[in-house]
Amino acid sequence: MWTKIIVILVVIHCLAALPAPEQDDAGSWSADEACKGLTTTTHIENQNDSTCKTFILCYVTNSSTQAVTINCKSGMYFDSTLKICSTNKPENCT
């Protein structure tokens, strides 16, 4: 019995000593990163908003870009193809 307990404690100790798994960045999205490198001011889809009620204005001045979150008017949804808010709700929006 003591042997089993010791083995279990050793295994737990070894597992605790392993490095923590890295965070999966595949699902993360940043408006600042999405706007980075653009050369003209434009509207892009806010991938952090599953309701499609907001969009990102990538505002370019001189050599800098700023990401600004803009709300569509009530009852409107951002259409990423037309790059405007519309009353038509895109299929991928909740």
PDB file of N, CA and C in Angstrom:
ATOM      1  N   MET A   1       0.819  -1.194   0.000  1.00  0.00           N
ATOM      2  CA  MET A   1       0.000   0.000   0.000  1.00  0.00           C
ATOM      3  C   MET A   1       0.864   1.259   0.000  1.00  0.00           C
ATOM      4  N   TRP A   2       1.887   1.280   0.868  1.00  0.00           N
ATOM      5  CA  TRP A   2       2.760   2.455   0.912  1.00  0.00           C
ATOM      6  C   TRP A   2       3.487   2.648  -0.413  1.00  0.00           C
ATOM      7  N   THR A   3       3.767   1.562  -1.079  1.00  0.00           N
ATOM      8  CA  THR A   3       4.449   1.655  -2.368  1.00  0.00           C
ATOM      9  C   THR A   3       3.577   2.391  -3.378  1.00  0.00           C
ATOM     10  N   LYS A   4       2.294   2.053  -3.400  1.00  0.00           N
ATOM     11  CA  LYS A   4       1.366   2.724  -4.316  1.00  0.00           C
ATOM     12  C   LYS A   4       1.280   4.214  -4.011  1.00  0.00           C
ATOM     13  N   ILE A   5       1.208   4.560  -2.748  1.00  0.00           N
ATOM     14  CA  ILE A   5       1.110   5.969  -2.351  1.00  0.00           C
ATOM     15  C   ILE A   5       2.368   6.722  -2.764  1.00  0.00           C
ATOM     16  N   ILE A   6       3.527   6.103  -2.545  1.00  0.00           N
ATOM     17  CA  ILE A   6       4.790   6.750  -2.921  1.00  0.00           C
ATOM     18  C   ILE A   6       4.869   6.936  -4.432  1.00  0.00           C
ATOM     19  N   VAL A   7       4.475   5.917  -5.187  1.00  0.00           N
ATOM     20  CA  VAL A   7       4.492   6.015  -6.652  1.00  0.00           C
ATOM     21  C   VAL A   7       3.555   7.126  -7.119  1.00  0.00           C
ATOM     22  N   ILE A   8       2.374   7.187  -6.544  1.00  0.00           N
ATOM     23  CA  ILE A   8       1.415   8.235  -6.911  1.00  0.00           C
ATOM     24  C   ILE A   8       1.982   9.613  -6.599  1.00  0.00           C
ATOM     25  N   LEU A   9       2.591   9.773  -5.431  1.00  0.00           N
ATOM     26  CA  LEU A   9       3.182  11.064  -5.062  1.00  0.00           C
ATOM     27  C   LEU A   9       4.325  11.450  -5.995  1.00  0.00           C
ATOM     28  N   VAL A  10       5.138  10.478  -6.399  1.00  0.00           N
ATOM     29  CA  VAL A  10       6.239  10.751  -7.334  1.00  0.00           C
ATOM     30  C   VAL A  10       5.679  11.186  -8.685  1.00  0.00           C
ATOM     31  N   VAL A  11       4.658  10.502  -9.159  1.00  0.00           N
ATOM     32  CA  VAL A  11       4.037  10.867 -10.438  1.00  0.00           C
ATOM     33  C   VAL A  11       3.450  12.272 -10.363  1.00  0.00           C
ATOM     34  N   ILE A  12       2.748  12.583  -9.291  1.00  0.00           N
ATOM     35  CA  ILE A  12       2.171  13.923  -9.118  1.00  0.00           C
ATOM     36  C   ILE A  12       3.274  14.971  -9.087  1.00  0.00           C
ATOM     37  N   HIS A  13       4.351  14.678  -8.389  1.00  0.00           N
ATOM     38  CA  HIS A  13       5.475  15.615  -8.316  1.00  0.00           C
ATOM     39  C   HIS A  13       6.077  15.845  -9.703  1.00  0.00           C
ATOM     40  N   CYS A  14       6.240  14.785 -10.477  1.00  0.00           N
ATOM     41  CA  CYS A  14       6.804  14.911 -11.826  1.00  0.00           C
ATOM     42  C   CYS A  14       5.880  15.711 -12.737  1.00  0.00           C
ATOM     43  N   LEU A  15       4.590  15.464 -12.649  1.00  0.00           N
ATOM     44  CA  LEU A  15       3.640  16.207 -13.478  1.00  0.00           C
ATOM     45  C   LEU A  15       3.622  17.682 -13.109  1.00  0.00           C
ATOM     46  N   ALA A  16       3.733  17.976 -11.830  1.00  0.00           N
ATOM     47  CA  ALA A  16       3.735  19.367 -11.383  1.00  0.00           C
ATOM     48  C   ALA A  16       4.991  20.091 -11.841  1.00  0.00           C
ATOM     49  N   ALA A  17       6.068  19.371 -12.072  1.00  0.00           N
ATOM     50  CA  ALA A  17       7.327  19.983 -12.485  1.00  0.00           C
ATOM     51  C   ALA A  17       7.368  20.283 -13.978  1.00  0.00           C
ATOM     52  N   LEU A  18       6.447  19.721 -14.749  1.00  0.00           N
ATOM     53  CA  LEU A  18       6.420  19.984 -16.187  1.00  0.00           C
ATOM     54  C   LEU A  18       6.021  21.428 -16.448  1.00  0.00           C
ATOM     55  N   PRO A  19       6.524  22.015 -17.538  1.00  0.00           N
ATOM     56  CA  PRO A  19       6.122  23.387 -17.860  1.00  0.00           C
ATOM     57  C   PRO A  19       4.644  23.437 -18.230  1.00  0.00           C
ATOM     58  N   ALA A  20       4.029  24.559 -17.934  1.00  0.00           N
ATOM     59  CA  ALA A  20       2.614  24.741 -18.269  1.00  0.00           C
ATOM     60  C   ALA A  20       2.457  24.773 -19.781  1.00  0.00           C
ATOM     61  N   PRO A  21       1.379  24.215 -20.302  1.00  0.00           N
ATOM     62  CA  PRO A  21       1.169  24.262 -21.749  1.00  0.00           C
ATOM     63  C   PRO A  21       0.999  25.701 -22.210  1.00  0.00           C
ATOM     64  N   GLU A  22       1.505  25.987 -23.414  1.00  0.00           N
ATOM     65  CA  GLU A  22       1.382  27.332 -23.961  1.00  0.00           C
ATOM     66  C   GLU A  22      -0.059  27.591 -24.362  1.00  0.00           C
ATOM     67  N   GLN A  23      -0.458  28.849 -24.243  1.00  0.00           N
ATOM     68  CA  GLN A  23      -1.804  29.234 -24.642  1.00  0.00           C
ATOM     69  C   GLN A  23      -1.935  29.125 -26.152  1.00  0.00           C
ATOM     70  N   ASP A  24      -3.061  28.667 -26.606  1.00  0.00           N
ATOM     71  CA  ASP A  24      -3.326  28.561 -28.036  1.00  0.00           C
ATOM     72  C   ASP A  24      -3.770  29.918 -28.544  1.00  0.00           C
ATOM     73  N   ASP A  25      -2.921  30.554 -29.346  1.00  0.00           N
ATOM     74  CA  ASP A  25      -3.237  31.876 -29.876  1.00  0.00           C
ATOM     75  C   ASP A  25      -4.062  31.816 -31.154  1.00  0.00           C
ATOM     76  N   ALA A  26      -4.387  30.619 -31.622  1.00  0.00           N
ATOM     77  CA  ALA A  26      -5.127  30.495 -32.870  1.00  0.00           C
ATOM     78  C   ALA A  26      -6.489  31.161 -32.786  1.00  0.00           C
ATOM     79  N   GLY A  27      -7.096  31.185 -31.590  1.00  0.00           N
ATOM     80  CA  GLY A  27      -8.419  31.763 -31.451  1.00  0.00           C
ATOM     81  C   GLY A  27      -8.419  33.226 -31.080  1.00  0.00           C
ATOM     82  N   SER A  28      -7.248  33.788 -30.795  1.00  0.00           N
ATOM     83  CA  SER A  28      -7.217  35.189 -30.382  1.00  0.00           C
ATOM     84  C   SER A  28      -7.129  36.100 -31.596  1.00  0.00           C
ATOM     85  N   TRP A  29      -7.716  37.275 -31.463  1.00  0.00           N
ATOM     86  CA  TRP A  29      -7.724  38.253 -32.544  1.00  0.00           C
ATOM     87  C   TRP A  29      -7.588  39.629 -31.929  1.00  0.00           C
ATOM     88  N   SER A  30      -6.799  40.467 -32.539  1.00  0.00           N
ATOM     89  CA  SER A  30      -6.571  41.810 -32.039  1.00  0.00           C
ATOM     90  C   SER A  30      -6.863  42.819 -33.138  1.00  0.00           C
ATOM     91  N   ALA A  31      -7.700  43.805 -32.830  1.00  0.00           N
ATOM     92  CA  ALA A  31      -8.014  44.857 -33.801  1.00  0.00           C
ATOM     93  C   ALA A  31      -6.759  45.637 -34.159  1.00  0.00           C
ATOM     94  N   ASP A  32      -5.932  45.922 -33.160  1.00  0.00           N
ATOM     95  CA  ASP A  32      -4.690  46.655 -33.427  1.00  0.00           C
ATOM     96  C   ASP A  32      -3.801  45.888 -34.396  1.00  0.00           C
ATOM     97  N   GLU A  33      -3.685  44.582 -34.187  1.00  0.00           N
ATOM     98  CA  GLU A  33      -2.866  43.761 -35.085  1.00  0.00           C
ATOM     99  C   GLU A  33      -3.488  43.685 -36.478  1.00  0.00           C
ATOM    100  N   ALA A  34      -4.812  43.605 -36.551  1.00  0.00           N
ATOM    101  CA  ALA A  34      -5.487  43.522 -37.847  1.00  0.00           C
ATOM    102  C   ALA A  34      -5.300  44.804 -38.656  1.00  0.00           C
ATOM    103  N   CYS A  35      -5.240  45.936 -37.977  1.00  0.00           N
ATOM    104  CA  CYS A  35      -5.078  47.221 -38.665  1.00  0.00           C
ATOM    105  C   CYS A  35      -3.622  47.527 -38.997  1.00  0.00           C
ATOM    106  N   LYS A  36      -2.723  46.895 -38.273  1.00  0.00           N
ATOM    107  CA  LYS A  36      -1.293  47.176 -38.467  1.00  0.00           C
ATOM    108  C   LYS A  36      -0.880  46.889 -39.911  1.00  0.00           C
ATOM    109  N   GLY A  37      -0.143  47.795 -40.490  1.00  0.00           N
ATOM    110  CA  GLY A  37       0.360  47.596 -41.845  1.00  0.00           C
ATOM    111  C   GLY A  37      -0.556  48.129 -42.934  1.00  0.00           C
ATOM    112  N   LEU A  38      -1.772  48.538 -42.579  1.00  0.00           N
ATOM    113  CA  LEU A  38      -2.660  49.115 -43.588  1.00  0.00           C
ATOM    114  C   LEU A  38      -2.156  50.501 -43.971  1.00  0.00           C
ATOM    115  N   THR A  39      -2.398  50.890 -45.208  1.00  0.00           N
ATOM    116  CA  THR A  39      -1.928  52.194 -45.679  1.00  0.00           C
ATOM    117  C   THR A  39      -3.061  53.175 -45.928  1.00  0.00           C
ATOM    118  N   THR A  40      -4.298  52.688 -45.886  1.00  0.00           N
ATOM    119  CA  THR A  40      -5.453  53.572 -46.061  1.00  0.00           C
ATOM    120  C   THR A  40      -6.481  53.290 -44.974  1.00  0.00           C
ATOM    121  N   THR A  41      -7.229  54.314 -44.610  1.00  0.00           N
ATOM    122  CA  THR A  41      -8.292  54.168 -43.616  1.00  0.00           C
ATOM    123  C   THR A  41      -9.384  53.268 -44.190  1.00  0.00           C
ATOM    124  N   THR A  42      -9.840  52.308 -43.394  1.00  0.00           N
ATOM    125  CA  THR A  42     -10.861  51.374 -43.868  1.00  0.00           C
ATOM    126  C   THR A  42     -11.651  50.809 -42.696  1.00  0.00           C
ATOM    127  N   HIS A  43     -12.773  50.182 -42.997  1.00  0.00           N
ATOM    128  CA  HIS A  43     -13.597  49.480 -42.007  1.00  0.00           C
ATOM    129  C   HIS A  43     -13.344  47.991 -42.164  1.00  0.00           C
ATOM    130  N   ILE A  44     -13.192  47.288 -41.031  1.00  0.00           N
ATOM    131  CA  ILE A  44     -13.034  45.837 -41.073  1.00  0.00           C
ATOM    132  C   ILE A  44     -13.971  45.195 -40.056  1.00  0.00           C
ATOM    133  N   GLU A  45     -14.227  43.923 -40.268  1.00  0.00           N
ATOM    134  CA  GLU A  45     -15.083  43.154 -39.362  1.00  0.00           C
ATOM    135  C   GLU A  45     -14.431  43.042 -37.988  1.00  0.00           C
ATOM    136  N   ASN A  46     -15.224  43.205 -36.946  1.00  0.00           N
ATOM    137  CA  ASN A  46     -14.748  43.001 -35.577  1.00  0.00           C
ATOM    138  C   ASN A  46     -14.920  41.522 -35.256  1.00  0.00           C
ATOM    139  N   GLN A  47     -13.855  40.770 -35.341  1.00  0.00           N
ATOM    140  CA  GLN A  47     -13.929  39.324 -35.133  1.00  0.00           C
ATOM    141  C   GLN A  47     -14.178  38.944 -33.683  1.00  0.00           C
ATOM    142  N   ASN A  48     -14.111  39.906 -32.776  1.00  0.00           N
ATOM    143  CA  ASN A  48     -14.432  39.643 -31.369  1.00  0.00           C
ATOM    144  C   ASN A  48     -15.912  39.871 -31.071  1.00  0.00           C
ATOM    145  N   ASP A  49     -16.696  40.237 -32.077  1.00  0.00           N
ATOM    146  CA  ASP A  49     -18.123  40.524 -31.891  1.00  0.00           C
ATOM    147  C   ASP A  49     -18.955  39.565 -32.735  1.00  0.00           C
ATOM    148  N   SER A  50     -19.477  38.519 -32.112  1.00  0.00           N
ATOM    149  CA  SER A  50     -20.270  37.525 -32.846  1.00  0.00           C
ATOM    150  C   SER A  50     -21.652  38.048 -33.225  1.00  0.00           C
ATOM    151  N   THR A  51     -22.050  39.206 -32.664  1.00  0.00           N
ATOM    152  CA  THR A  51     -23.360  39.777 -32.988  1.00  0.00           C
ATOM    153  C   THR A  51     -23.322  40.641 -34.242  1.00  0.00           C
ATOM    154  N   CYS A  52     -22.132  41.009 -34.689  1.00  0.00           N
ATOM    155  CA  CYS A  52     -21.926  41.865 -35.874  1.00  0.00           C
ATOM    156  C   CYS A  52     -22.497  43.267 -35.694  1.00  0.00           C
ATOM    157  N   LYS A  53     -22.670  43.698 -34.458  1.00  0.00           N
ATOM    158  CA  LYS A  53     -23.228  45.025 -34.201  1.00  0.00           C
ATOM    159  C   LYS A  53     -22.149  46.094 -34.064  1.00  0.00           C
ATOM    160  N   THR A  54     -20.890  45.694 -34.193  1.00  0.00           N
ATOM    161  CA  THR A  54     -19.784  46.647 -34.174  1.00  0.00           C
ATOM    162  C   THR A  54     -18.834  46.329 -35.320  1.00  0.00           C
ATOM    163  N   PHE A  55     -17.992  47.297 -35.645  1.00  0.00           N
ATOM    164  CA  PHE A  55     -16.931  47.072 -36.617  1.00  0.00           C
ATOM    165  C   PHE A  55     -15.712  47.859 -36.168  1.00  0.00           C
ATOM    166  N   ILE A  56     -14.605  47.639 -36.827  1.00  0.00           N
ATOM    167  CA  ILE A  56     -13.362  48.325 -36.495  1.00  0.00           C
ATOM    168  C   ILE A  56     -13.049  49.335 -37.590  1.00  0.00           C
ATOM    169  N   LEU A  57     -12.817  50.568 -37.175  1.00  0.00           N
ATOM    170  CA  LEU A  57     -12.328  51.599 -38.084  1.00  0.00           C
ATOM    171  C   LEU A  57     -10.816  51.619 -37.931  1.00  0.00           C
ATOM    172  N   CYS A  58     -10.117  51.244 -38.982  1.00  0.00           N
ATOM    173  CA  CYS A  58      -8.658  51.329 -38.992  1.00  0.00           C
ATOM    174  C   CYS A  58      -8.325  52.702 -39.554  1.00  0.00           C
ATOM    175  N   TYR A  59      -7.945  53.609 -38.675  1.00  0.00           N
ATOM    176  CA  TYR A  59      -7.719  55.009 -39.028  1.00  0.00           C
ATOM    177  C   TYR A  59      -6.226  55.238 -39.239  1.00  0.00           C
ATOM    178  N   VAL A  60      -5.851  55.585 -40.472  1.00  0.00           N
ATOM    179  CA  VAL A  60      -4.450  55.765 -40.829  1.00  0.00           C
ATOM    180  C   VAL A  60      -4.140  57.249 -40.950  1.00  0.00           C
ATOM    181  N   THR A  61      -3.143  57.698 -40.191  1.00  0.00           N
ATOM    182  CA  THR A  61      -2.641  59.068 -40.306  1.00  0.00           C
ATOM    183  C   THR A  61      -1.125  59.018 -40.324  1.00  0.00           C
ATOM    184  N   ASN A  62      -0.539  59.745 -41.258  1.00  0.00           N
ATOM    185  CA  ASN A  62       0.921  59.751 -41.421  1.00  0.00           C
ATOM    186  C   ASN A  62       1.434  58.318 -41.453  1.00  0.00           C
ATOM    187  N   SER A  63       2.216  57.920 -40.487  1.00  0.00           N
ATOM    188  CA  SER A  63       2.762  56.561 -40.498  1.00  0.00           C
ATOM    189  C   SER A  63       2.199  55.695 -39.375  1.00  0.00           C
ATOM    190  N   SER A  64       1.107  56.137 -38.752  1.00  0.00           N
ATOM    191  CA  SER A  64       0.528  55.346 -37.663  1.00  0.00           C
ATOM    192  C   SER A  64      -0.902  54.927 -37.986  1.00  0.00           C
ATOM    193  N   THR A  65      -1.301  53.821 -37.387  1.00  0.00           N
ATOM    194  CA  THR A  65      -2.653  53.294 -37.571  1.00  0.00           C
ATOM    195  C   THR A  65      -3.287  53.111 -36.205  1.00  0.00           C
ATOM    196  N   GLN A  66      -4.551  53.526 -36.093  1.00  0.00           N
ATOM    197  CA  GLN A  66      -5.280  53.372 -34.835  1.00  0.00           C
ATOM    198  C   GLN A  66      -6.546  52.568 -35.101  1.00  0.00           C
ATOM    199  N   ALA A  67      -6.825  51.606 -34.229  1.00  0.00           N
ATOM    200  CA  ALA A  67      -8.038  50.792 -34.333  1.00  0.00           C
ATOM    201  C   ALA A  67      -9.092  51.356 -33.393  1.00  0.00           C
ATOM    202  N   VAL A  68     -10.263  51.684 -33.951  1.00  0.00           N
ATOM    203  CA  VAL A  68     -11.358  52.244 -33.161  1.00  0.00           C
ATOM    204  C   VAL A  68     -12.589  51.368 -33.367  1.00  0.00           C
ATOM    205  N   THR A  69     -13.201  50.918 -32.261  1.00  0.00           N
ATOM    206  CA  THR A  69     -14.426  50.119 -32.350  1.00  0.00           C
ATOM    207  C   THR A  69     -15.616  51.059 -32.478  1.00  0.00           C
ATOM    208  N   ILE A  70     -16.435  50.828 -33.506  1.00  0.00           N
ATOM    209  CA  ILE A  70     -17.606  51.658 -33.788  1.00  0.00           C
ATOM    210  C   ILE A  70     -18.857  50.786 -33.686  1.00  0.00           C
ATOM    211  N   ASN A  71     -19.905  51.307 -33.049  1.00  0.00           N
ATOM    212  CA  ASN A  71     -21.187  50.605 -32.961  1.00  0.00           C
ATOM    213  C   ASN A  71     -22.056  50.954 -34.156  1.00  0.00           C
ATOM    214  N   CYS A  72     -22.707  49.946 -34.722  1.00  0.00           N
ATOM    215  CA  CYS A  72     -23.729  50.201 -35.737  1.00  0.00           C
ATOM    216  C   CYS A  72     -24.958  50.755 -35.022  1.00  0.00           C
ATOM    217  N   LYS A  73     -25.798  51.468 -35.753  1.00  0.00           N
ATOM    218  CA  LYS A  73     -27.040  51.972 -35.168  1.00  0.00           C
ATOM    219  C   LYS A  73     -27.917  50.793 -34.758  1.00  0.00           C
ATOM    220  N   SER A  74     -28.861  51.049 -33.881  1.00  0.00           N
ATOM    221  CA  SER A  74     -29.767  50.017 -33.391  1.00  0.00           C
ATOM    222  C   SER A  74     -30.456  49.304 -34.553  1.00  0.00           C
ATOM    223  N   GLY A  75     -30.465  47.981 -34.504  1.00  0.00           N
ATOM    224  CA  GLY A  75     -31.127  47.185 -35.536  1.00  0.00           C
ATOM    225  C   GLY A  75     -30.295  46.991 -36.790  1.00  0.00           C
ATOM    226  N   MET A  76     -29.035  47.422 -36.757  1.00  0.00           N
ATOM    227  CA  MET A  76     -28.169  47.278 -37.927  1.00  0.00           C
ATOM    228  C   MET A  76     -26.987  46.375 -37.592  1.00  0.00           C
ATOM    229  N   TYR A  77     -26.415  45.775 -38.640  1.00  0.00           N
ATOM    230  CA  TYR A  77     -25.319  44.826 -38.504  1.00  0.00           C
ATOM    231  C   TYR A  77     -24.240  45.174 -39.519  1.00  0.00           C
ATOM    232  N   PHE A  78     -22.981  44.917 -39.156  1.00  0.00           N
ATOM    233  CA  PHE A  78     -21.890  45.224 -40.073  1.00  0.00           C
ATOM    234  C   PHE A  78     -21.806  44.171 -41.159  1.00  0.00           C
ATOM    235  N   ASP A  79     -21.818  44.621 -42.401  1.00  0.00           N
ATOM    236  CA  ASP A  79     -21.670  43.759 -43.569  1.00  0.00           C
ATOM    237  C   ASP A  79     -20.219  43.867 -44.019  1.00  0.00           C
ATOM    238  N   SER A  80     -19.441  42.807 -43.811  1.00  0.00           N
ATOM    239  CA  SER A  80     -18.008  42.860 -44.113  1.00  0.00           C
ATOM    240  C   SER A  80     -17.718  42.922 -45.607  1.00  0.00           C
ATOM    241  N   THR A  81     -18.674  42.513 -46.442  1.00  0.00           N
ATOM    242  CA  THR A  81     -18.482  42.602 -47.885  1.00  0.00           C
ATOM    243  C   THR A  81     -18.644  44.040 -48.359  1.00  0.00           C
ATOM    244  N   LEU A  82     -19.719  44.693 -47.900  1.00  0.00           N
ATOM    245  CA  LEU A  82     -19.980  46.080 -48.293  1.00  0.00           C
ATOM    246  C   LEU A  82     -19.205  47.080 -47.440  1.00  0.00           C
ATOM    247  N   LYS A  83     -18.733  46.618 -46.279  1.00  0.00           N
ATOM    248  CA  LYS A  83     -17.996  47.444 -45.313  1.00  0.00           C
ATOM    249  C   LYS A  83     -18.837  48.604 -44.775  1.00  0.00           C
ATOM    250  N   ILE A  84     -20.136  48.317 -44.559  1.00  0.00           N
ATOM    251  CA  ILE A  84     -21.062  49.294 -43.970  1.00  0.00           C
ATOM    252  C   ILE A  84     -22.024  48.562 -43.039  1.00  0.00           C
ATOM    253  N   CYS A  85     -22.717  49.324 -42.206  1.00  0.00           N
ATOM    254  CA  CYS A  85     -23.784  48.751 -41.386  1.00  0.00           C
ATOM    255  C   CYS A  85     -25.045  48.664 -42.236  1.00  0.00           C
ATOM    256  N   SER A  86     -25.762  47.572 -42.093  1.00  0.00           N
ATOM    257  CA  SER A  86     -26.937  47.304 -42.909  1.00  0.00           C
ATOM    258  C   SER A  86     -28.011  46.661 -42.037  1.00  0.00           C
ATOM    259  N   THR A  87     -29.254  46.710 -42.498  1.00  0.00           N
ATOM    260  CA  THR A  87     -30.334  46.050 -41.761  1.00  0.00           C
ATOM    261  C   THR A  87     -30.320  44.541 -41.981  1.00  0.00           C
ATOM    262  N   ASN A  88     -29.585  44.073 -42.984  1.00  0.00           N
ATOM    263  CA  ASN A  88     -29.479  42.636 -43.249  1.00  0.00           C
ATOM    264  C   ASN A  88     -28.493  42.005 -42.277  1.00  0.00           C
ATOM    265  N   LYS A  89     -28.975  41.030 -41.522  1.00  0.00           N
ATOM    266  CA  LYS A  89     -28.122  40.340 -40.552  1.00  0.00           C
ATOM    267  C   LYS A  89     -27.343  39.233 -41.262  1.00  0.00           C
ATOM    268  N   PRO A  90     -26.006  39.298 -41.255  1.00  0.00           N
ATOM    269  CA  PRO A  90     -25.218  38.236 -41.887  1.00  0.00           C
ATOM    270  C   PRO A  90     -25.495  36.879 -41.241  1.00  0.00           C
ATOM    271  N   GLU A  91     -25.402  35.827 -42.025  1.00  0.00           N
ATOM    272  CA  GLU A  91     -25.720  34.476 -41.556  1.00  0.00           C
ATOM    273  C   GLU A  91     -24.836  34.016 -40.402  1.00  0.00           C
ATOM    274  N   ASN A  92     -23.586  34.466 -40.380  1.00  0.00           N
ATOM    275  CA  ASN A  92     -22.656  33.990 -39.357  1.00  0.00           C
ATOM    276  C   ASN A  92     -22.784  34.742 -38.035  1.00  0.00           C
ATOM    277  N   CYS A  93     -23.747  35.647 -37.929  1.00  0.00           N
ATOM    278  CA  CYS A  93     -23.907  36.460 -36.716  1.00  0.00           C
ATOM    279  C   CYS A  93     -24.984  35.882 -35.804  1.00  0.00           C
ATOM    280  N   THR A  94     -24.783  36.077 -34.488  1.00  0.00           N
ATOM    281  CA  THR A  94     -25.750  35.558 -33.518  1.00  0.00           C
ATOM    282  C   THR A  94     -26.722  36.639 -33.105  1.00  0.00           C
TER     283      THR A  94
END
